[in-house]
Amino acid sequence: MKESKRLLLSGDEAIALAARDAGVALGAGYPGTPSTEILEAFAGYGGRAQWSPNEKVAMEVTIGAAFAGARALCTMKHVGLNVASDPLFTAAYTGVSGALIVVSADDPGMASSQNEQDNRRYAVAAGIPMLEPSDSQEAYDFMFAAIEISERWKIPVLFRVTTRVCHSYTVVQPHETAEPLRAASFERDIRGRVMIPPHARPAHRRLRQKLAAMQEWNESCRLNHIVEGSNSLGIITSGISFMHVREAAPDARVLKLGFTHPLPMNRIAQFAKSVGRCQVIEEGDPYLADAIRAAGIPVEGKPEIYRFGELDVPRVRRILSNDISPEPAKPPGKPPQLCDACYYRIVFESLRKRDCIVAGDIGCYTLGVLQPFEAMDTCVCMGASLGVGLGLRHVLPPDQARRVVSVIGDSTFLHTGINGLVEMVYNPPQTGHVLIILDNSTTAMTGHQEHPGTGRTLLHEPAGKVVIEDVARSLGIRRVHVIEPRSGTDDFDRLLAECLDSSELAVIIARRPCILIAKQLKQYEDQRCECPGASQAAGDCAIPGSPAPLSP
């Protein structure tokens, strides 16, 4: 038998390659570090991938594909699962006909996130199985295992990875042959798919029966294994922590868990009895330690100080020695900042000049909170700028309320900002409100991905386009302004002042393409114009925010 080619892949690339090789028919998600590259790589390998407006929609699209008997992949970062949790919890009840793999890319240490929630808890709350690879080879192999589990028990599977696994490169030996796509076909199952209470009650019982069967199967599952060593110290671990453990305690006996919900408690109990001291090593929450102790198995957890941030080899050594002394301070890094030529600077200068109370959002523009602007007062989650800003307007004294402004990006507006705009129209504050949409024609913070407002697909090919100002006007907002912020003029500042003074609902769309992709945008628009049947009207060839239409 010919040996397969060995590849050096990141965890994200390994997941994507496995999805292609396993015959995944559709991948959907929303870009978010550290998960973004999965769908980009999947598309690069020839898979069918698409960006959805948000993670909830992506989840629903892939649930539909899995209802039709196809294999589907849904990707997002950890906070994205908060958005997608509503359909996920019920999909655990309905089950799936094909396979549905939900990738949650967690971010311990918050390299690029607003929190470091541990999404292993979601597997327990939703009642779905969970796998955790520790390197790129396991990311590849575990994808096939996840599909096997999903199809065997007709249930979504949570595929939990972390930043270190997603972005680290290790050798992968892929399968010799890829599986073909399976023909999709819908079979009606009203009682199983329509979750009204009479159908949902027995569905919940079926779910718990599935979990019990999976737990029994997990006792001898190949995804868990023991690394032999001295019986004086036993370590139970999973994910990237396994790599740190092997270096920090090479002589220890290790139970490495890959299938981490439902846990193989009998196997864990046997392992704990076989060693003199049993320590659980895990990043984030004490998920494993809590569950194992709740089952009456005596193990040591980590001290509370190690709940924060990523683990590494020195920290694991400190845990094993029960060292709770203050950790050495990390050298300060260079803080991020807005690009020197970024037009956001003009917007934030104006907001600071007018002492606005700014309800901010998630994106590049969040950097407006830093010096020299310090022009952002809140940032909670995707789309929160509108709701938070409206809440401030409703309760503040009029002189303060009139200074409140919500600031959101174009991709974030289409992600979850539209609902906030509806709220603004439905429950307008007495002082009105001002929303600034910073439209740079891309999802910049995660690497310049497309979204429904760019008019291009994940592969930058022409697609339907949502026009933000049309959405605002369709809701009955009278003051809708589109402006291109430019240095050397006070046009934006004057417009902002006018809207603040009006005490009406106002939307200002500050539109100018991100300076980092201006060249690519022109190439995309040129390609659009060269497409057979494409409109050759000058207006159709213009980059939004450019001074004049571009000729084809």
Protein backbone atom coordinates (compact mmCIF):
# COMPACT_ATOMS: atom_id res chain seq x y z
CA MET A 1 0.00 0.00 0.00
CA LYS A 2 1.38 3.38 -0.99
CA GLU A 3 2.10 5.72 1.93
CA SER A 4 -0.03 8.85 2.01
CA LYS A 5 1.65 12.19 1.54
CA ARG A 6 2.66 13.93 4.75
CA LEU A 7 1.57 17.56 5.04
CA LEU A 8 2.41 20.38 7.43
CA LEU A 9 -0.96 21.89 8.35
CA SER A 10 -2.47 24.15 10.95
CA GLY A 11 -5.32 22.72 12.97
CA ASP A 12 -7.77 24.83 10.97
CA GLU A 13 -6.38 23.52 7.69
CA ALA A 14 -6.46 19.94 8.98
CA ILE A 15 -10.14 20.28 9.90
CA ALA A 16 -10.86 21.68 6.44
CA LEU A 17 -8.96 18.93 4.64
CA ALA A 18 -10.69 16.26 6.70
CA ALA A 19 -14.08 17.81 5.89
CA ARG A 20 -13.24 17.66 2.20
CA ASP A 21 -11.90 14.09 2.42
CA ALA A 22 -14.93 12.96 4.47
CA GLY A 23 -17.38 14.17 1.86
CA VAL A 24 -18.82 17.16 3.71
CA ALA A 25 -21.36 18.68 1.32
CA LEU A 26 -21.64 22.15 2.86
CA GLY A 27 -19.71 24.32 5.28
CA ALA A 28 -21.21 27.51 6.70
CA GLY A 29 -20.11 29.92 9.40
CA TYR A 30 -19.19 33.45 10.35
CA PRO A 31 -15.55 34.58 10.43
CA GLY A 32 -14.02 34.84 13.88
CA THR A 33 -10.49 34.26 15.11
CA PRO A 34 -9.31 31.51 15.56
CA SER A 35 -11.87 29.67 13.38
CA THR A 36 -11.85 31.81 10.23
CA GLU A 37 -9.35 29.84 8.19
CA ILE A 38 -11.37 26.60 8.38
CA LEU A 39 -13.96 27.57 5.79
CA GLU A 40 -11.44 29.51 3.70
CA ALA A 41 -9.24 26.41 3.52
CA PHE A 42 -12.25 24.16 2.91
CA ALA A 43 -13.18 26.29 -0.09
CA GLY A 44 -9.55 26.22 -1.23
CA TYR A 45 -9.59 22.43 -1.14
CA GLY A 46 -12.66 22.44 -3.37
CA GLY A 47 -15.37 22.19 -0.73
CA ARG A 48 -18.59 24.18 -0.84
CA ALA A 49 -18.27 26.90 1.79
CA GLN A 50 -20.15 30.09 2.50
CA TRP A 51 -20.20 32.95 4.97
CA SER A 52 -23.55 33.46 6.65
CA PRO A 53 -24.74 36.79 8.10
CA ASN A 54 -24.19 35.35 11.60
CA GLU A 55 -23.58 32.08 13.43
CA LYS A 56 -27.26 31.41 14.14
CA VAL A 57 -28.07 31.49 10.43
CA ALA A 58 -25.04 29.31 9.67
CA MET A 59 -26.24 26.78 12.24
CA GLU A 60 -29.73 26.74 10.77
CA VAL A 61 -28.40 26.31 7.22
CA THR A 62 -26.24 23.36 8.22
CA ILE A 63 -29.06 21.82 10.26
CA GLY A 64 -31.16 21.93 7.10
CA ALA A 65 -28.40 20.24 5.11
CA ALA A 66 -28.07 17.55 7.79
CA PHE A 67 -31.86 17.05 7.81
CA ALA A 68 -31.50 16.19 4.12
CA GLY A 69 -29.00 13.42 4.88
CA ALA A 70 -25.88 15.38 3.92
CA ARG A 71 -22.71 15.84 5.93
CA ALA A 72 -22.44 19.46 7.08
CA LEU A 73 -19.88 21.59 8.90
CA CYS A 74 -20.65 24.73 10.93
CA THR A 75 -17.74 26.87 12.17
CA MET A 76 -17.42 29.76 14.59
CA LYS A 77 -15.34 31.14 17.44
CA HIS A 78 -16.43 30.51 21.00
CA VAL A 79 -18.62 33.60 21.44
CA GLY A 80 -20.30 32.77 18.14
CA LEU A 81 -21.78 29.69 19.76
CA ASN A 82 -23.72 32.02 22.06
CA VAL A 83 -25.48 33.33 18.96
CA ALA A 84 -25.97 29.84 17.50
CA SER A 85 -27.04 28.13 20.71
CA ASP A 86 -30.77 28.58 20.17
CA PRO A 87 -31.04 26.27 17.13
CA LEU A 88 -28.27 23.98 18.45
CA PHE A 89 -30.09 23.08 21.67
CA THR A 90 -33.23 22.07 19.78
CA ALA A 91 -31.25 20.26 17.06
CA ALA A 92 -30.05 17.97 19.85
CA TYR A 93 -33.71 16.99 20.28
CA THR A 94 -34.56 16.68 16.58
CA GLY A 95 -31.35 14.92 15.70
CA VAL A 96 -30.08 14.83 12.13
CA SER A 97 -30.35 12.42 9.22
CA GLY A 98 -26.82 13.00 7.96
CA ALA A 99 -23.98 14.45 10.01
CA LEU A 100 -23.61 17.87 11.62
CA ILE A 101 -20.23 18.89 13.05
CA VAL A 102 -20.17 22.18 14.98
CA VAL A 103 -16.69 23.63 15.41
CA SER A 104 -16.27 25.89 18.45
CA ALA A 105 -12.85 27.57 18.39
CA ASP A 106 -12.24 28.74 21.96
CA ASP A 107 -9.77 31.49 22.83
CA PRO A 108 -8.12 30.95 26.25
CA GLY A 109 -6.14 34.05 27.12
CA MET A 110 -8.35 36.20 24.86
CA ALA A 111 -5.84 36.69 22.05
CA SER A 112 -8.66 38.24 20.02
CA SER A 113 -11.86 38.07 22.03
CA GLN A 114 -13.94 39.90 24.62
CA ASN A 115 -14.08 36.91 26.99
CA GLU A 116 -12.52 33.47 27.47
CA GLN A 117 -15.64 31.41 28.07
CA ASP A 118 -15.10 27.66 28.11
CA ASN A 119 -17.50 26.12 25.60
CA ARG A 120 -17.08 22.60 26.92
CA ARG A 121 -19.97 23.56 29.17
CA TYR A 122 -22.16 23.87 26.06
CA ALA A 123 -21.84 20.14 25.35
CA VAL A 124 -23.31 19.38 28.77
CA ALA A 125 -26.00 22.06 28.57
CA ALA A 126 -27.13 21.10 25.06
CA GLY A 127 -26.71 17.37 25.63
CA ILE A 128 -24.45 16.68 22.66
CA PRO A 129 -21.23 14.69 22.28
CA MET A 130 -17.91 16.57 22.22
CA LEU A 131 -14.47 15.80 20.79
CA GLU A 132 -11.25 17.68 21.56
CA PRO A 133 -8.17 17.22 19.34
CA SER A 134 -4.72 18.16 20.62
CA ASP A 135 -2.85 18.72 17.34
CA SER A 136 -3.39 18.88 13.58
CA GLN A 137 -3.25 15.12 13.04
CA GLU A 138 -5.95 14.60 15.63
CA ALA A 139 -7.93 17.52 14.20
CA TYR A 140 -7.91 15.62 10.91
CA ASP A 141 -8.62 12.17 12.37
CA PHE A 142 -11.21 13.37 14.89
CA MET A 143 -13.28 14.93 12.12
CA PHE A 144 -13.92 11.47 10.70
CA ALA A 145 -14.71 10.19 14.19
CA ALA A 146 -17.12 13.09 14.78
CA ILE A 147 -18.94 12.26 11.56
CA GLU A 148 -19.10 8.59 12.58
CA ILE A 149 -20.62 9.52 15.95
CA SER A 150 -23.02 12.03 14.41
CA GLU A 151 -24.33 9.55 11.87
CA ARG A 152 -24.44 6.62 14.30
CA TRP A 153 -26.51 8.45 16.91
CA LYS A 154 -28.15 10.97 14.56
CA ILE A 155 -26.99 13.92 16.63
CA PRO A 156 -24.91 17.11 16.21
CA VAL A 157 -21.33 16.83 17.52
CA LEU A 158 -19.42 19.69 19.17
CA PHE A 159 -15.84 19.79 17.85
CA ARG A 160 -14.02 21.93 20.40
CA VAL A 161 -10.61 23.37 19.53
CA THR A 162 -8.57 26.26 20.91
CA THR A 163 -6.39 29.01 19.47
CA ARG A 164 -3.20 27.02 20.00
CA VAL A 165 -4.55 23.99 18.14
CA CYS A 166 -6.14 26.09 15.38
CA HIS A 167 -3.01 28.08 14.55
CA SER A 168 -0.16 25.65 15.34
CA TYR A 169 1.33 23.60 12.51
CA THR A 170 2.06 19.90 12.90
CA VAL A 171 2.51 17.03 10.45
CA VAL A 172 -0.64 15.39 9.09
CA GLN A 173 -0.87 12.16 7.15
CA PRO A 174 -4.22 12.30 5.38
CA HIS A 175 -6.26 9.36 4.16
CA GLU A 176 -5.30 7.93 0.81
CA THR A 177 -8.69 8.45 -0.79
CA ALA A 178 -11.45 10.96 -0.24
CA GLU A 179 -15.04 9.90 0.26
CA PRO A 180 -17.52 11.07 -2.40
CA LEU A 181 -20.43 13.33 -1.58
CA ARG A 182 -23.54 11.42 -0.65
CA ALA A 183 -26.78 12.09 -2.46
CA ALA A 184 -29.07 14.21 -0.29
CA SER A 185 -32.70 13.22 0.08
CA PHE A 186 -35.41 14.47 2.42
CA GLU A 187 -37.56 12.02 4.33
CA ARG A 188 -40.53 13.43 6.21
CA ASP A 189 -40.44 13.00 10.00
CA ILE A 190 -42.94 15.43 11.47
CA ARG A 191 -42.80 14.05 15.01
CA GLY A 192 -39.02 14.07 14.97
CA ARG A 193 -38.46 17.46 13.35
CA VAL A 194 -41.31 19.72 14.49
CA MET A 195 -40.60 20.53 18.13
CA ILE A 196 -43.98 21.36 19.55
CA PRO A 197 -44.31 20.20 23.19
CA PRO A 198 -45.99 16.81 22.45
CA HIS A 199 -43.08 15.97 20.12
CA ALA A 200 -40.32 17.58 22.20
CA ARG A 201 -41.05 15.66 25.42
CA PRO A 202 -40.31 12.21 23.95
CA ALA A 203 -37.44 13.74 21.95
CA HIS A 204 -35.79 14.80 25.20
CA ARG A 205 -36.04 11.25 26.50
CA ARG A 206 -34.53 9.91 23.28
CA LEU A 207 -31.67 12.39 23.64
CA ARG A 208 -30.84 11.17 27.15
CA GLN A 209 -30.94 7.56 25.92
CA LYS A 210 -28.48 8.47 23.18
CA LEU A 211 -26.15 10.10 25.70
CA ALA A 212 -26.26 7.00 27.91
CA ALA A 213 -25.41 4.79 24.95
CA MET A 214 -22.58 7.11 23.90
CA GLN A 215 -21.14 7.11 27.40
CA GLU A 216 -21.07 3.31 27.43
CA TRP A 217 -19.43 3.27 23.98
CA ASN A 218 -16.89 5.85 25.14
CA GLU A 219 -15.55 3.49 27.82
CA SER A 220 -13.59 1.62 25.15
CA CYS A 221 -13.44 4.39 22.53
CA ARG A 222 -10.21 4.67 20.52
CA LEU A 223 -10.27 8.47 20.94
CA ASN A 224 -9.14 8.06 24.57
CA HIS A 225 -5.84 6.39 25.38
CA ILE A 226 -3.31 5.90 28.14
CA VAL A 227 0.34 6.90 27.84
CA GLU A 228 2.18 4.57 30.17
CA GLY A 229 4.52 5.92 32.83
CA SER A 230 5.22 5.92 36.53
CA ASN A 231 2.24 5.00 38.70
CA SER A 232 3.32 7.53 41.31
CA LEU A 233 1.76 10.36 39.26
CA GLY A 234 -1.25 10.06 37.00
CA ILE A 235 -2.56 12.94 34.90
CA ILE A 236 -5.96 13.22 33.23
CA THR A 237 -6.00 15.77 30.44
CA SER A 238 -7.40 16.67 27.01
CA GLY A 239 -6.78 18.95 24.03
CA ILE A 240 -3.67 21.09 23.84
CA SER A 241 -3.01 20.55 27.55
CA PHE A 242 -1.89 17.02 26.68
CA MET A 243 1.07 18.45 24.74
CA HIS A 244 2.15 20.57 27.68
CA VAL A 245 1.77 17.62 30.06
CA ARG A 246 3.99 15.36 27.97
CA GLU A 247 6.81 17.89 28.14
CA ALA A 248 6.28 19.03 31.73
CA ALA A 249 5.92 15.51 33.18
CA PRO A 250 7.38 12.99 30.71
CA ASP A 251 7.49 10.19 33.31
CA ALA A 252 3.86 10.50 34.41
CA ARG A 253 1.13 8.04 33.47
CA VAL A 254 -1.39 9.98 31.39
CA LEU A 255 -5.03 9.39 30.48
CA LYS A 256 -5.53 11.47 27.37
CA LEU A 257 -9.23 12.09 26.68
CA GLY A 258 -10.38 12.89 23.16
CA PHE A 259 -14.12 12.16 23.54
CA THR A 260 -14.85 14.49 26.44
CA HIS A 261 -18.66 14.42 26.69
CA PRO A 262 -20.18 12.22 27.84
CA LEU A 263 -17.10 11.21 29.85
CA PRO A 264 -16.01 7.55 30.27
CA MET A 265 -16.32 7.58 34.05
CA ASN A 266 -15.54 3.87 34.57
CA ARG A 267 -12.30 4.19 32.65
CA ILE A 268 -11.43 7.38 34.53
CA ALA A 269 -12.13 5.69 37.87
CA GLN A 270 -9.92 2.73 36.97
CA PHE A 271 -7.13 5.06 35.94
CA ALA A 272 -7.38 7.09 39.15
CA LYS A 273 -7.14 3.89 41.23
CA SER A 274 -4.03 2.80 39.32
CA VAL A 275 -1.89 5.78 40.36
CA GLY A 276 -0.69 7.18 43.65
CA ARG A 277 -1.63 10.77 42.87
CA CYS A 278 -4.16 11.75 40.18
CA GLN A 279 -4.04 15.31 38.83
CA VAL A 280 -6.35 16.89 36.25
CA ILE A 281 -4.63 19.33 33.89
CA GLU A 282 -6.94 21.47 31.74
CA GLU A 283 -7.20 25.02 30.44
CA GLY A 284 -10.03 27.31 31.40
CA ASP A 285 -12.83 26.09 33.64
CA PRO A 286 -12.39 23.00 35.84
CA TYR A 287 -14.78 21.15 33.53
CA LEU A 288 -13.07 17.77 33.79
CA ALA A 289 -12.18 18.09 37.47
CA ASP A 290 -15.72 19.09 38.45
CA ALA A 291 -17.34 16.26 36.50
CA ILE A 292 -14.91 13.63 37.76
CA ARG A 293 -15.24 14.73 41.39
CA ALA A 294 -19.04 14.82 41.04
CA ALA A 295 -18.84 11.14 40.08
CA GLY A 296 -17.07 10.45 43.40
CA ILE A 297 -13.61 9.94 41.90
CA PRO A 298 -10.86 11.61 43.97
CA VAL A 299 -8.64 13.77 41.76
CA GLU A 300 -6.73 17.00 42.24
CA GLY A 301 -7.76 20.07 40.28
CA LYS A 302 -5.68 23.13 39.53
CA PRO A 303 -5.51 26.18 41.81
CA GLU A 304 -7.82 29.04 40.85
CA ILE A 305 -5.01 31.25 39.54
CA TYR A 306 -4.51 28.85 36.63
CA ARG A 307 -8.11 29.23 35.46
CA PHE A 308 -7.09 32.36 33.56
CA GLY A 309 -5.24 32.41 30.25
CA GLU A 310 -3.53 29.65 28.31
CA LEU A 311 -1.50 26.91 29.91
CA ASP A 312 2.09 26.23 28.90
CA VAL A 313 4.83 23.92 30.08
CA PRO A 314 6.06 26.16 32.96
CA ARG A 315 2.50 26.69 34.21
CA VAL A 316 1.80 22.95 34.14
CA ARG A 317 4.95 22.37 36.17
CA ARG A 318 3.74 24.96 38.68
CA ILE A 319 0.36 23.22 38.92
CA LEU A 320 2.02 19.86 39.54
CA SER A 321 4.14 21.36 42.30
CA ASN A 322 1.12 23.24 43.71
CA ASP A 323 2.98 26.52 43.29
CA ILE A 324 0.52 29.37 43.86
CA SER A 325 3.12 32.13 44.19
CA PRO A 326 2.66 35.12 41.89
CA GLU A 327 3.52 34.24 38.31
CA PRO A 328 6.28 36.16 36.51
CA ALA A 329 4.89 39.17 34.66
CA LYS A 330 4.86 38.80 30.91
CA PRO A 331 6.79 41.43 28.94
CA PRO A 332 4.43 44.11 27.61
CA GLY A 333 3.68 43.87 23.92
CA LYS A 334 2.96 46.63 21.49
CA PRO A 335 -0.73 47.57 21.80
CA PRO A 336 -2.79 47.37 18.61
CA GLN A 337 -3.80 50.60 16.95
CA LEU A 338 -5.81 51.89 14.05
CA CYS A 339 -3.88 52.05 10.79
CA ASP A 340 -2.36 55.47 10.17
CA ALA A 341 -4.48 55.99 7.05
CA CYS A 342 -7.69 54.51 8.51
CA TYR A 343 -10.72 56.74 8.06
CA TYR A 344 -12.02 55.60 11.43
CA ARG A 345 -9.57 58.13 12.86
CA ILE A 346 -11.63 60.98 11.40
CA VAL A 347 -14.80 59.57 12.96
CA PHE A 348 -13.27 59.06 16.40
CA GLU A 349 -11.67 62.50 16.36
CA SER A 350 -15.12 63.98 15.84
CA LEU A 351 -16.68 61.81 18.56
CA ARG A 352 -13.97 62.83 21.02
CA LYS A 353 -14.23 66.49 20.06
CA ARG A 354 -17.96 66.46 20.83
CA ASP A 355 -17.53 64.46 24.05
CA CYS A 356 -19.97 61.84 22.81
CA ILE A 357 -20.98 58.88 24.96
CA VAL A 358 -20.13 56.07 22.55
CA ALA A 359 -21.75 52.63 22.67
CA GLY A 360 -19.29 50.59 20.64
CA ASP A 361 -19.18 47.21 18.99
CA ILE A 362 -16.85 44.42 17.84
CA GLY A 363 -14.41 45.12 15.00
CA CYS A 364 -11.33 47.13 14.03
CA TYR A 365 -13.07 50.27 15.22
CA THR A 366 -13.06 48.92 18.78
CA LEU A 367 -9.47 50.22 18.80
CA GLY A 368 -11.00 53.68 19.06
CA VAL A 369 -11.09 53.01 22.80
CA LEU A 370 -7.30 53.38 22.93
CA GLN A 371 -5.19 56.50 22.91
CA PRO A 372 -5.13 59.01 21.39
CA PHE A 373 -8.93 58.85 20.95
CA GLU A 374 -10.38 57.04 23.97
CA ALA A 375 -13.69 57.54 22.20
CA MET A 376 -15.59 54.39 23.10
CA ASP A 377 -17.42 53.85 26.37
CA THR A 378 -18.97 50.38 26.03
CA CYS A 379 -18.30 47.18 24.07
CA VAL A 380 -20.23 44.04 25.00
CA CYS A 381 -20.82 41.75 22.03
CA MET A 382 -21.63 41.71 18.32
CA GLY A 383 -24.50 44.09 17.62
CA ALA A 384 -24.82 45.39 21.18
CA SER A 385 -23.96 48.99 20.32
CA LEU A 386 -27.51 49.79 19.27
CA GLY A 387 -29.31 48.23 22.22
CA VAL A 388 -26.84 49.64 24.74
CA GLY A 389 -26.95 53.07 23.16
CA LEU A 390 -30.74 53.09 23.17
CA GLY A 391 -30.84 52.01 26.81
CA LEU A 392 -28.53 54.90 27.71
CA ARG A 393 -30.69 57.34 25.76
CA HIS A 394 -33.86 56.15 27.49
CA VAL A 395 -32.68 56.79 31.05
CA LEU A 396 -30.01 59.52 30.99
CA PRO A 397 -30.87 63.17 31.64
CA PRO A 398 -31.57 64.96 28.33
CA ASP A 399 -28.26 66.82 28.25
CA GLN A 400 -26.34 63.54 28.50
CA ALA A 401 -28.77 61.50 26.40
CA ARG A 402 -28.27 63.80 23.40
CA ARG A 403 -24.55 62.93 23.42
CA VAL A 404 -25.10 59.17 23.10
CA VAL A 405 -24.01 57.63 19.79
CA SER A 406 -23.94 53.98 18.69
CA VAL A 407 -21.02 52.92 16.49
CA ILE A 408 -21.01 49.66 14.53
CA GLY A 409 -19.24 48.19 11.49
CA ASP A 410 -20.86 47.05 8.25
CA SER A 411 -20.31 43.31 8.82
CA THR A 412 -21.39 43.57 12.46
CA PHE A 413 -24.49 45.54 11.48
CA LEU A 414 -25.54 42.72 9.15
CA HIS A 415 -24.60 40.14 11.79
CA THR A 416 -26.87 41.33 14.62
CA GLY A 417 -27.18 45.08 14.26
CA ILE A 418 -30.32 45.01 12.12
CA ASN A 419 -32.43 43.86 15.06
CA GLY A 420 -31.13 46.82 17.05
CA LEU A 421 -32.13 49.15 14.23
CA VAL A 422 -35.65 47.71 14.35
CA GLU A 423 -35.65 48.36 18.10
CA MET A 424 -34.56 51.95 17.45
CA VAL A 425 -37.57 52.48 15.18
CA TYR A 426 -40.00 50.60 17.39
CA ASN A 427 -39.00 52.16 20.73
CA PRO A 428 -37.37 55.49 19.85
CA PRO A 429 -35.93 57.54 22.75
CA GLN A 430 -37.47 60.98 23.31
CA THR A 431 -34.14 62.58 22.36
CA GLY A 432 -33.84 60.54 19.17
CA HIS A 433 -30.67 58.56 18.51
CA VAL A 434 -27.65 58.59 16.21
CA LEU A 435 -26.21 55.41 14.70
CA ILE A 436 -22.88 55.54 12.87
CA ILE A 437 -22.21 52.56 10.59
CA LEU A 438 -18.53 52.37 9.66
CA ASP A 439 -18.68 50.69 6.25
CA ASN A 440 -15.23 49.66 5.03
CA SER A 441 -16.56 47.07 2.54
CA THR A 442 -15.14 44.05 4.38
CA THR A 443 -14.93 42.09 7.62
CA ALA A 444 -11.56 43.58 8.43
CA MET A 445 -10.71 42.42 11.94
CA THR A 446 -10.71 38.72 11.04
CA GLY A 447 -8.72 39.05 7.82
CA HIS A 448 -10.92 40.86 5.27
CA GLN A 449 -13.67 38.33 4.63
CA GLU A 450 -16.78 39.05 2.60
CA HIS A 451 -20.28 39.59 4.02
CA PRO A 452 -23.78 40.16 2.57
CA GLY A 453 -23.08 43.88 2.15
CA THR A 454 -20.06 43.45 -0.15
CA GLY A 455 -21.87 41.71 -2.97
CA ARG A 456 -19.26 38.92 -3.08
CA THR A 457 -19.15 35.32 -1.87
CA LEU A 458 -16.53 33.68 0.34
CA LEU A 459 -14.47 33.15 -2.83
CA HIS A 460 -14.93 36.83 -3.79
CA GLU A 461 -17.24 35.98 -6.67
CA PRO A 462 -20.27 38.20 -7.48
CA ALA A 463 -23.31 37.65 -5.27
CA GLY A 464 -26.47 39.40 -4.13
CA LYS A 465 -25.80 42.56 -2.14
CA VAL A 466 -27.59 44.06 0.84
CA VAL A 467 -27.55 47.88 0.61
CA ILE A 468 -27.41 49.18 4.16
CA GLU A 469 -28.95 52.60 3.49
CA ASP A 470 -31.88 50.94 1.74
CA VAL A 471 -32.46 48.80 4.83
CA ALA A 472 -32.48 51.88 7.05
CA ARG A 473 -34.82 53.82 4.78
CA SER A 474 -37.16 50.85 4.44
CA LEU A 475 -37.73 51.04 8.20
CA GLY A 476 -38.95 54.60 7.89
CA ILE A 477 -35.87 56.44 9.17
CA ARG A 478 -35.91 59.91 7.62
CA ARG A 479 -32.36 60.96 8.34
CA VAL A 480 -30.14 58.48 6.47
CA HIS A 481 -26.83 59.94 5.33
CA VAL A 482 -24.01 58.35 3.34
CA ILE A 483 -20.69 60.16 3.62
CA GLU A 484 -17.07 59.45 2.82
CA PRO A 485 -14.87 60.74 5.66
CA ARG A 486 -11.89 62.63 4.26
CA SER A 487 -8.94 64.36 5.87
CA GLY A 488 -8.77 68.11 5.50
CA THR A 489 -12.53 68.68 5.65
CA ASP A 490 -15.01 69.00 8.49
CA ASP A 491 -17.89 67.44 6.53
CA PHE A 492 -18.29 64.48 8.84
CA ASP A 493 -18.06 66.59 11.97
CA ARG A 494 -20.73 68.99 10.71
CA LEU A 495 -23.03 66.11 9.76
CA LEU A 496 -22.60 64.50 13.18
CA ALA A 497 -23.39 67.79 14.90
CA GLU A 498 -26.49 68.25 12.78
CA CYS A 499 -27.79 64.76 13.61
CA LEU A 500 -27.07 65.13 17.33
CA ASP A 501 -28.88 68.45 17.46
CA SER A 502 -31.92 67.20 15.54
CA SER A 503 -33.23 64.97 18.37
CA GLU A 504 -34.43 62.61 15.63
CA LEU A 505 -33.48 59.11 14.64
CA ALA A 506 -30.46 59.33 12.34
CA VAL A 507 -28.21 56.84 10.57
CA ILE A 508 -24.83 57.98 9.29
CA ILE A 509 -23.09 55.52 6.98
CA ALA A 510 -19.41 56.45 6.89
CA ARG A 511 -18.36 54.56 3.77
CA ARG A 512 -14.82 54.18 2.56
CA PRO A 513 -13.08 50.89 1.63
CA CYS A 514 -10.40 49.62 4.00
CA ILE A 515 -7.03 50.97 2.84
CA LEU A 516 -5.48 47.51 3.20
CA ILE A 517 -7.68 45.93 0.52
CA ALA A 518 -8.29 48.83 -1.86
CA LYS A 519 -6.26 47.09 -4.59
CA GLN A 520 -8.09 43.78 -4.15
CA LEU A 521 -11.45 45.53 -4.24
CA LYS A 522 -10.66 47.02 -7.62
CA GLN A 523 -9.65 43.58 -8.89
CA TYR A 524 -12.89 42.05 -7.63
CA GLU A 525 -14.94 44.78 -9.31
CA ASP A 526 -13.00 44.37 -12.56
CA GLN A 527 -13.73 40.64 -12.43
CA ARG A 528 -17.41 41.39 -11.86
CA CYS A 529 -17.50 43.55 -14.96
CA GLU A 530 -15.78 40.85 -17.02
CA CYS A 531 -18.29 38.17 -16.01
CA PRO A 532 -20.55 37.02 -18.90
CA GLY A 533 -23.86 38.79 -18.69
CA ALA A 534 -22.68 41.25 -16.06
CA SER A 535 -24.10 44.75 -16.26
CA GLN A 536 -21.70 47.19 -17.87
CA ALA A 537 -23.36 50.21 -16.34
CA ALA A 538 -20.79 52.44 -14.70
CA GLY A 539 -22.68 52.41 -11.44
CA ASP A 540 -22.46 48.61 -11.28
CA CYS A 541 -18.68 48.80 -11.51
CA ALA A 542 -18.13 51.30 -8.72
CA ILE A 543 -16.46 50.43 -5.45
CA PRO A 544 -18.71 51.77 -2.68
CA GLY A 545 -17.28 55.01 -1.37
CA SER A 546 -14.94 55.66 -4.30
CA PRO A 547 -14.97 59.22 -5.69
CA ALA A 548 -16.08 58.10 -9.14
CA PRO A 549 -17.15 54.88 -10.86
CA LEU A 550 -14.35 52.64 -12.05
CA SER A 551 -14.32 51.79 -15.72
CA PRO A 552 -14.35 48.07 -16.61
